[in-house]
């Protein structure tokens, strides 16, 4: 599980979605790849993707359901899941879900 990310270029302005239920900060890694780190508060939300994404849970947990699936999958600290480009996923959070999102 990722606990620290060194040598990044961080955007200090927060990305605020869904009336503050999801807040993240974007950053660029030394190799030029893009990512964000953030938190989703208690809610059920639907996200759309442009690029493919890999979500890593760094604290808390959630349940997620990928587009085209009827199955909710539990995710906890240290787990990851991937979402294809130009797709959607639903996420259910009971308390708080802290994550890193890496874009392909």
Foldseek 3Di string as FASTA:
>chain_A
DDDDAPDKAKDPDWDAPDPRQKIWIKIAHPVGWIKIKIKGAADKDKDFAAFKKKKAWQAAWKWKDWPPDPDTDIDHHGDMDIHHHGTMMMIGHHGMTIIMMTGD
